[in-house]
Amino acid sequence: MAEIALSAESRTIIGKQVRQLRREGLVPMTLYGRKTKPQSLQVSERDLVAVLNQAGTNQLVNLKIGGKGSARKVLVREIQRDVLNRNLLHIDLYAVVMSEKISTELPIILLNESPAMKEGLGILIQEMTVLRVECLPGDLIPAIEIDISGLVNLHDSVVAGDLDLGDAIESLERPEEVIVRIVPQAVEEVEEVEEAEAVGEDLEEGAKGEMPAKGEQASEE
C-alpha cells in the first residue's frame, strides 16, 4: 500500500483570527497524542483534501512539519466542517505509537450479490456500516470486505462473530451483532406503513391539541 504524506507548518495564529488563515486557503490543525505535546499547525486545504480522500480517518498518514526532521505517523481523528458550505474548518491529528494498539472504526464494504436478493426472496438490510476494531497502527487495513454471495435463503445473515479478521485485528463488537441480513420484503413494507400511520396519528393528535375549546372560541369572538 502506497504511503500517504502530508506537509504542514507550525501555527501561531489561534482563536478567531484563524478565519484569516481560511481566507488564505489554509486549514488550522492540532496535533496531539499520548506521548506528544499538543501542537498547533496549518496546512494547505488543497493538500489536506487530497489526503482525506485517500486516508479517511483509518489510514496512517506521514506528517512532516516545516520540512524538517522525520515524518510522524498520525491518524485523522476529528474533522470539523462548516454546516452550510461543508468547507473544512479544523482537523485533529493523533500521533500514534507504532508499538501500542489503537481503537478505530473500519468501513464495511459488501462484495458480490446475494442469491436470495437476486431471486426476489427478500431484501438486503445492512445494519452496520463500520466495525469498531483494535490493532497496532501498522496492521490497519482500508476496510472490512464481506462477501454476501453466501446469503442464499430468507433470514440468512452475517454477524460480527462470523468475520475472520486474522490475528492482528480484534473486533470490539459483540459477536451476535448483525451486520447484514435478508428480510422478507413484505415485512419491510408493513414497517413503512406502520411508521406512516404513526406519523399521521401524531399529526392528528397535534391538531386536536392546538384547537381551542368551545368556550374559548366564544370568549375570543
Protein backbone atom coordinates (compact mmCIF):
# COMPACT_ATOMS: atom_id res chain seq x y z
CA MET A 1 0.00 0.00 0.00
CA ALA A 2 1.38 3.42 -1.01
CA GLU A 3 2.26 5.71 1.87
CA ILE A 4 0.22 8.89 2.32
CA ALA A 5 2.21 12.04 3.02
CA LEU A 6 1.17 15.46 4.31
CA SER A 7 3.30 18.56 4.86
CA ALA A 8 2.29 21.14 7.48
CA GLU A 9 3.67 24.25 9.12
CA SER A 10 3.64 25.42 12.71
CA ARG A 11 0.79 27.80 13.51
CA THR A 12 0.97 30.88 15.76
CA ILE A 13 -2.47 32.25 14.89
CA ILE A 14 -5.17 30.99 17.25
CA GLY A 15 -8.72 31.85 18.29
CA LYS A 16 -10.99 33.83 16.00
CA GLN A 17 -8.01 35.03 13.99
CA VAL A 18 -7.84 31.63 12.25
CA ARG A 19 -10.56 32.95 9.91
CA GLN A 20 -7.82 34.80 8.10
CA LEU A 21 -5.99 31.51 7.55
CA ARG A 22 -9.05 30.01 5.90
CA ARG A 23 -9.32 33.02 3.60
CA GLU A 24 -5.76 32.26 2.50
CA GLY A 25 -6.62 28.65 1.69
CA LEU A 26 -5.14 27.21 4.88
CA VAL A 27 -6.78 24.90 7.43
CA PRO A 28 -5.83 25.00 11.14
CA MET A 29 -4.89 21.67 12.70
CA THR A 30 -3.99 20.37 16.14
CA LEU A 31 -1.56 17.50 16.62
CA TYR A 32 -1.78 15.54 19.87
CA GLY A 33 -1.03 12.08 21.23
CA ARG A 34 -0.30 10.09 24.37
CA LYS A 35 3.42 10.79 24.02
CA THR A 36 3.12 14.00 22.00
CA LYS A 37 2.81 17.54 23.28
CA PRO A 38 -0.16 19.32 21.62
CA GLN A 39 0.99 21.41 18.69
CA SER A 40 -0.88 23.97 16.55
CA LEU A 41 -0.38 23.52 12.82
CA GLN A 42 -1.67 24.79 9.50
CA VAL A 43 -1.87 23.08 6.13
CA SER A 44 -2.92 23.81 2.57
CA GLU A 45 -6.61 23.00 2.15
CA ARG A 46 -5.94 21.52 -1.29
CA ASP A 47 -3.27 19.15 0.08
CA LEU A 48 -5.46 18.23 3.04
CA VAL A 49 -8.48 17.37 0.89
CA ALA A 50 -6.32 15.06 -1.24
CA VAL A 51 -5.04 13.28 1.88
CA LEU A 52 -8.52 12.92 3.39
CA ASN A 53 -9.77 11.35 0.16
CA GLN A 54 -7.01 8.74 0.44
CA ALA A 55 -6.73 8.13 4.14
CA GLY A 56 -10.08 8.99 5.66
CA THR A 57 -9.90 8.50 9.41
CA ASN A 58 -8.49 4.96 9.49
CA GLN A 59 -5.27 5.05 7.47
CA LEU A 60 -1.85 6.21 8.62
CA VAL A 61 -0.52 9.50 7.30
CA ASN A 62 3.15 10.50 7.27
CA LEU A 63 3.11 14.04 8.67
CA LYS A 64 6.14 16.27 8.16
CA ILE A 65 6.25 19.62 9.94
CA GLY A 66 8.18 22.53 8.49
CA GLY A 67 10.03 20.28 6.06
CA LYS A 68 12.43 19.26 8.85
CA GLY A 69 13.02 16.09 10.78
CA SER A 70 11.47 12.70 10.20
CA ALA A 71 7.79 12.19 9.43
CA ARG A 72 5.38 11.25 12.20
CA LYS A 73 2.73 8.58 11.83
CA VAL A 74 -0.67 10.14 12.50
CA LEU A 75 -4.37 9.40 12.13
CA VAL A 76 -7.10 11.91 11.37
CA ARG A 77 -9.28 11.89 14.48
CA GLU A 78 -11.79 14.71 14.04
CA ILE A 79 -12.93 16.74 11.04
CA GLN A 80 -14.88 19.96 11.57
CA ARG A 81 -16.77 21.43 8.60
CA ASP A 82 -18.94 24.46 8.00
CA VAL A 83 -22.57 23.31 8.28
CA LEU A 84 -23.61 25.36 5.25
CA ASN A 85 -20.86 25.07 2.63
CA ARG A 86 -19.07 22.00 4.07
CA ASN A 87 -15.69 23.77 3.93
CA LEU A 88 -13.00 22.42 6.25
CA LEU A 89 -12.73 24.40 9.50
CA HIS A 90 -10.36 22.38 11.68
CA ILE A 91 -8.65 18.99 11.84
CA ASP A 92 -7.36 16.98 14.81
CA LEU A 93 -4.45 14.62 14.18
CA TYR A 94 -3.47 11.85 16.58
CA ALA A 95 0.21 10.87 16.72
CA VAL A 96 0.31 7.09 17.13
CA VAL A 97 2.90 4.94 18.86
CA MET A 98 3.59 2.07 16.47
CA SER A 99 4.10 -0.41 19.32
CA GLU A 100 0.81 0.43 21.06
CA LYS A 101 -2.64 -0.72 19.98
CA ILE A 102 -5.30 1.79 18.97
CA SER A 103 -9.08 1.65 18.64
CA THR A 104 -10.72 2.88 15.46
CA GLU A 105 -13.59 2.24 13.04
CA LEU A 106 -13.15 0.49 9.71
CA PRO A 107 -15.74 0.91 6.95
CA ILE A 108 -17.66 -2.21 5.86
CA ILE A 109 -17.82 -2.95 2.13
CA LEU A 110 -20.19 -5.58 0.73
CA LEU A 111 -18.88 -7.69 -2.15
CA ASN A 112 -20.75 -9.69 -4.83
CA GLU A 113 -24.50 -10.30 -4.83
CA SER A 114 -26.86 -12.20 -2.56
CA PRO A 115 -28.73 -15.04 -4.37
CA ALA A 116 -31.69 -14.53 -2.03
CA MET A 117 -31.97 -10.92 -3.08
CA LYS A 118 -31.33 -11.71 -6.76
CA GLU A 119 -34.14 -14.29 -6.80
CA GLY A 120 -36.56 -11.93 -5.07
CA LEU A 121 -36.84 -13.95 -1.86
CA GLY A 122 -36.24 -10.85 0.23
CA ILE A 123 -34.33 -7.62 0.52
CA LEU A 124 -30.91 -6.98 1.99
CA ILE A 125 -30.60 -4.78 5.07
CA GLN A 126 -27.18 -3.53 6.15
CA GLU A 127 -27.34 -2.88 9.89
CA MET A 128 -23.72 -1.74 10.31
CA THR A 129 -21.58 0.39 8.01
CA VAL A 130 -18.46 0.46 10.21
CA LEU A 131 -16.78 -2.03 12.52
CA ARG A 132 -15.04 -1.00 15.74
CA VAL A 133 -11.65 -2.70 15.98
CA GLU A 134 -8.41 -2.68 17.96
CA CYS A 135 -4.97 -3.31 16.48
CA LEU A 136 -1.45 -1.97 16.12
CA PRO A 137 -1.25 1.07 13.83
CA GLY A 138 0.83 -0.84 11.32
CA ASP A 139 -1.87 -3.52 10.97
CA LEU A 140 -4.64 -1.14 9.90
CA ILE A 141 -6.46 -2.02 6.70
CA PRO A 142 -8.57 0.30 4.49
CA ALA A 143 -11.86 -1.55 5.02
CA ILE A 144 -13.61 -4.76 6.07
CA GLU A 145 -14.83 -6.65 3.00
CA ILE A 146 -17.78 -9.04 3.37
CA ASP A 147 -18.81 -11.49 0.64
CA ILE A 148 -22.62 -11.65 0.66
CA SER A 149 -22.86 -14.37 -2.02
CA GLY A 150 -23.44 -16.80 0.85
CA LEU A 151 -26.77 -15.19 1.75
CA VAL A 152 -28.89 -17.73 -0.13
CA ASN A 153 -32.04 -18.04 1.95
CA LEU A 154 -34.50 -15.76 3.67
CA HIS A 155 -33.30 -14.66 7.13
CA ASP A 156 -29.66 -15.50 6.30
CA SER A 157 -27.31 -13.03 7.95
CA VAL A 158 -23.71 -12.12 8.70
CA VAL A 159 -22.87 -11.25 12.30
CA ALA A 160 -19.71 -9.77 13.76
CA GLY A 161 -18.65 -13.17 15.08
CA ASP A 162 -18.59 -14.56 11.52
CA LEU A 163 -15.78 -12.26 10.43
CA ASP A 164 -12.26 -13.61 10.11
CA LEU A 165 -10.04 -10.61 10.82
CA GLY A 166 -6.87 -12.63 11.42
CA ASP A 167 -4.69 -12.45 14.50
CA ALA A 168 -3.64 -8.82 14.10
CA ILE A 169 -7.08 -7.18 14.28
CA GLU A 170 -9.61 -7.68 17.07
CA SER A 171 -13.28 -6.77 16.70
CA LEU A 172 -14.76 -4.71 19.53
CA GLU A 173 -18.33 -5.52 18.53
CA ARG A 174 -20.48 -8.15 20.22
CA PRO A 175 -20.24 -11.45 18.28
CA GLU A 176 -24.04 -11.60 17.85
CA GLU A 177 -24.22 -8.07 16.39
CA VAL A 178 -25.90 -8.31 12.97
CA ILE A 179 -24.02 -6.64 10.11
CA VAL A 180 -26.22 -7.59 7.16
CA ARG A 181 -29.33 -9.75 6.78
CA ILE A 182 -32.03 -10.85 4.35
CA VAL A 183 -35.59 -9.98 5.41
CA PRO A 184 -38.97 -10.55 3.74
CA GLN A 185 -39.95 -7.66 1.54
CA ALA A 186 -43.49 -7.74 2.97
CA VAL A 187 -42.08 -7.10 6.46
CA GLU A 188 -40.28 -4.03 5.24
CA GLU A 189 -43.47 -2.74 3.58
CA VAL A 190 -45.51 -3.32 6.76
CA GLU A 191 -42.91 -1.42 8.80
CA GLU A 192 -43.13 1.51 6.39
CA VAL A 193 -46.96 1.54 6.57
CA GLU A 194 -46.94 1.37 10.37
CA GLU A 195 -44.44 4.22 10.53
CA ALA A 196 -46.57 6.34 8.18
CA GLU A 197 -49.69 5.61 10.25
CA ALA A 198 -47.88 6.55 13.46
CA VAL A 199 -46.81 9.86 11.93
CA GLY A 200 -50.40 10.50 10.81
CA GLU A 201 -51.74 9.82 14.30
CA ASP A 202 -49.19 12.18 15.83
CA LEU A 203 -50.21 14.93 13.41
CA GLU A 204 -53.90 14.35 14.15
CA GLU A 205 -53.32 14.47 17.91
CA GLY A 206 -51.27 17.62 17.49
CA ALA A 207 -54.05 19.28 15.51
CA LYS A 208 -56.60 18.39 18.18
CA GLY A 209 -54.34 19.72 20.89
CA GLU A 210 -53.99 23.07 19.14
CA MET A 211 -57.79 23.53 18.64
CA PRO A 212 -59.22 25.85 21.37
CA ALA A 213 -62.20 24.74 23.43
CA LYS A 214 -65.71 25.93 22.52
CA GLY A 215 -65.85 28.27 25.45
CA GLU A 216 -62.52 29.78 24.50
CA GLN A 217 -63.69 30.36 20.94
CA ALA A 218 -66.75 32.24 22.19
CA SER A 219 -64.62 34.31 24.53
CA GLU A 220 -62.23 35.29 21.75
CA GLU A 221 -65.11 36.20 19.47
